[in-house]
């Protein structure tokens, strides 16, 4: 027997302040969309407005070279970036 399931889809059109060609990991809550993209990690509003880039490419504090993944701690409001050495 088939069971009917209601699924809500929401399409988000991101603004073009931060352009990206593709993305891997992502995190969505009521205030943020955080995307691990080919251009770095970026934060958007739920409506797709660019807020800021998280960290930057480099070798100093709050910088990353080639990261493999990211995770978000919603309680501490921190983004963790995982890199291969």
C-alpha atoms as a PDB file:
ATOM      1  CA  UNK A   1       0.000   0.000   0.000  1.00  0.00           C
ATOM      2  CA  UNK A   2       1.335   3.470  -0.885  1.00  0.00           C
ATOM      3  CA  UNK A   3       1.587   6.062   1.813  1.00  0.00           C
ATOM      4  CA  UNK A   4       1.043   9.715   0.978  1.00  0.00           C
ATOM      5  CA  UNK A   5       3.821  12.029   2.176  1.00  0.00           C
ATOM      6  CA  UNK A   6       3.714  15.808   2.058  1.00  0.00           C
ATOM      7  CA  UNK A   7       7.105  17.315   1.288  1.00  0.00           C
ATOM      8  CA  UNK A   8       7.800  21.022   1.274  1.00  0.00           C
ATOM      9  CA  UNK A   9      10.353  22.284  -1.233  1.00  0.00           C
ATOM     10  CA  UNK A  10      11.733  25.784  -1.044  1.00  0.00           C
ATOM     11  CA  UNK A  11      13.838  27.236  -3.828  1.00  0.00           C
ATOM     12  CA  UNK A  12      16.401  29.831  -2.822  1.00  0.00           C
ATOM     13  CA  UNK A  13      17.871  32.262  -5.313  1.00  0.00           C
ATOM     14  CA  UNK A  14      21.242  33.358  -3.960  1.00  0.00           C
ATOM     15  CA  UNK A  15      22.402  36.889  -4.644  1.00  0.00           C
ATOM     16  CA  UNK A  16      25.451  37.279  -6.854  1.00  0.00           C
ATOM     17  CA  UNK A  17      27.697  39.050  -4.325  1.00  0.00           C
ATOM     18  CA  UNK A  18      29.400  35.697  -3.681  1.00  0.00           C
ATOM     19  CA  UNK A  19      29.563  33.522  -6.784  1.00  0.00           C
ATOM     20  CA  UNK A  20      30.143  29.791  -6.512  1.00  0.00           C
ATOM     21  CA  UNK A  21      30.149  27.006  -9.078  1.00  0.00           C
ATOM     22  CA  UNK A  22      29.232  24.172  -6.791  1.00  0.00           C
ATOM     23  CA  UNK A  23      29.089  23.177  -3.150  1.00  0.00           C
ATOM     24  CA  UNK A  24      29.676  20.211  -0.870  1.00  0.00           C
ATOM     25  CA  UNK A  25      28.587  20.444   2.732  1.00  0.00           C
ATOM     26  CA  UNK A  26      25.897  22.852   3.843  1.00  0.00           C
ATOM     27  CA  UNK A  27      24.095  23.793   7.029  1.00  0.00           C
ATOM     28  CA  UNK A  28      20.661  25.415   7.311  1.00  0.00           C
ATOM     29  CA  UNK A  29      18.912  26.807  10.368  1.00  0.00           C
ATOM     30  CA  UNK A  30      16.305  29.517  10.914  1.00  0.00           C
ATOM     31  CA  UNK A  31      18.898  32.323  10.617  1.00  0.00           C
ATOM     32  CA  UNK A  32      21.658  31.057   8.323  1.00  0.00           C
ATOM     33  CA  UNK A  33      22.614  29.003   5.330  1.00  0.00           C
ATOM     34  CA  UNK A  34      26.305  28.087   5.449  1.00  0.00           C
ATOM     35  CA  UNK A  35      27.800  26.621   2.299  1.00  0.00           C
ATOM     36  CA  UNK A  36      31.135  24.880   1.756  1.00  0.00           C
ATOM     37  CA  UNK A  37      31.654  25.928  -1.848  1.00  0.00           C
ATOM     38  CA  UNK A  38      34.379  25.761  -4.457  1.00  0.00           C
ATOM     39  CA  UNK A  39      35.136  29.407  -3.612  1.00  0.00           C
ATOM     40  CA  UNK A  40      35.294  29.014   0.191  1.00  0.00           C
ATOM     41  CA  UNK A  41      32.803  28.943   3.045  1.00  0.00           C
ATOM     42  CA  UNK A  42      30.019  31.520   2.870  1.00  0.00           C
ATOM     43  CA  UNK A  43      27.049  32.492   5.015  1.00  0.00           C
ATOM     44  CA  UNK A  44      23.683  33.588   3.610  1.00  0.00           C
ATOM     45  CA  UNK A  45      20.293  34.533   5.021  1.00  0.00           C
ATOM     46  CA  UNK A  46      17.457  32.028   4.554  1.00  0.00           C
ATOM     47  CA  UNK A  47      16.321  34.189   1.617  1.00  0.00           C
ATOM     48  CA  UNK A  48      19.707  33.920  -0.128  1.00  0.00           C
ATOM     49  CA  UNK A  49      21.288  37.283   0.725  1.00  0.00           C
ATOM     50  CA  UNK A  50      25.067  37.039   1.122  1.00  0.00           C
ATOM     51  CA  UNK A  51      26.202  37.921   4.666  1.00  0.00           C
ATOM     52  CA  UNK A  52      29.893  37.104   4.817  1.00  0.00           C
ATOM     53  CA  UNK A  53      32.673  34.742   3.886  1.00  0.00           C
ATOM     54  CA  UNK A  54      33.959  32.608   6.763  1.00  0.00           C
ATOM     55  CA  UNK A  55      37.738  32.594   6.961  1.00  0.00           C
ATOM     56  CA  UNK A  56      39.870  32.939   3.861  1.00  0.00           C
ATOM     57  CA  UNK A  57      42.451  31.063   1.862  1.00  0.00           C
ATOM     58  CA  UNK A  58      45.919  31.319   3.396  1.00  0.00           C
ATOM     59  CA  UNK A  59      48.157  29.881   6.101  1.00  0.00           C
ATOM     60  CA  UNK A  60      47.489  32.232   9.032  1.00  0.00           C
ATOM     61  CA  UNK A  61      44.891  32.324  11.823  1.00  0.00           C
ATOM     62  CA  UNK A  62      41.308  31.914  10.555  1.00  0.00           C
ATOM     63  CA  UNK A  63      42.721  30.884   7.150  1.00  0.00           C
ATOM     64  CA  UNK A  64      42.640  27.566   5.362  1.00  0.00           C
ATOM     65  CA  UNK A  65      44.349  26.104   2.330  1.00  0.00           C
ATOM     66  CA  UNK A  66      42.537  23.119   0.908  1.00  0.00           C
ATOM     67  CA  UNK A  67      39.801  22.049   3.303  1.00  0.00           C
ATOM     68  CA  UNK A  68      38.007  18.742   2.984  1.00  0.00           C
ATOM     69  CA  UNK A  69      34.883  19.338   5.008  1.00  0.00           C
ATOM     70  CA  UNK A  70      33.146  21.600   7.484  1.00  0.00           C
ATOM     71  CA  UNK A  71      30.841  21.159  10.457  1.00  0.00           C
ATOM     72  CA  UNK A  72      28.672  23.619  12.345  1.00  0.00           C
ATOM     73  CA  UNK A  73      28.067  23.631  16.086  1.00  0.00           C
ATOM     74  CA  UNK A  74      24.664  25.355  16.361  1.00  0.00           C
ATOM     75  CA  UNK A  75      24.876  25.720  20.140  1.00  0.00           C
ATOM     76  CA  UNK A  76      28.298  27.389  20.200  1.00  0.00           C
ATOM     77  CA  UNK A  77      27.634  29.077  16.829  1.00  0.00           C
ATOM     78  CA  UNK A  78      31.015  27.930  15.498  1.00  0.00           C
ATOM     79  CA  UNK A  79      32.076  26.597  12.114  1.00  0.00           C
ATOM     80  CA  UNK A  80      34.809  23.954  12.104  1.00  0.00           C
ATOM     81  CA  UNK A  81      36.935  23.497   8.991  1.00  0.00           C
ATOM     82  CA  UNK A  82      38.697  20.163   8.435  1.00  0.00           C
ATOM     83  CA  UNK A  83      41.894  20.108   6.405  1.00  0.00           C
ATOM     84  CA  UNK A  84      44.161  17.291   5.233  1.00  0.00           C
ATOM     85  CA  UNK A  85      47.839  17.699   6.066  1.00  0.00           C
END
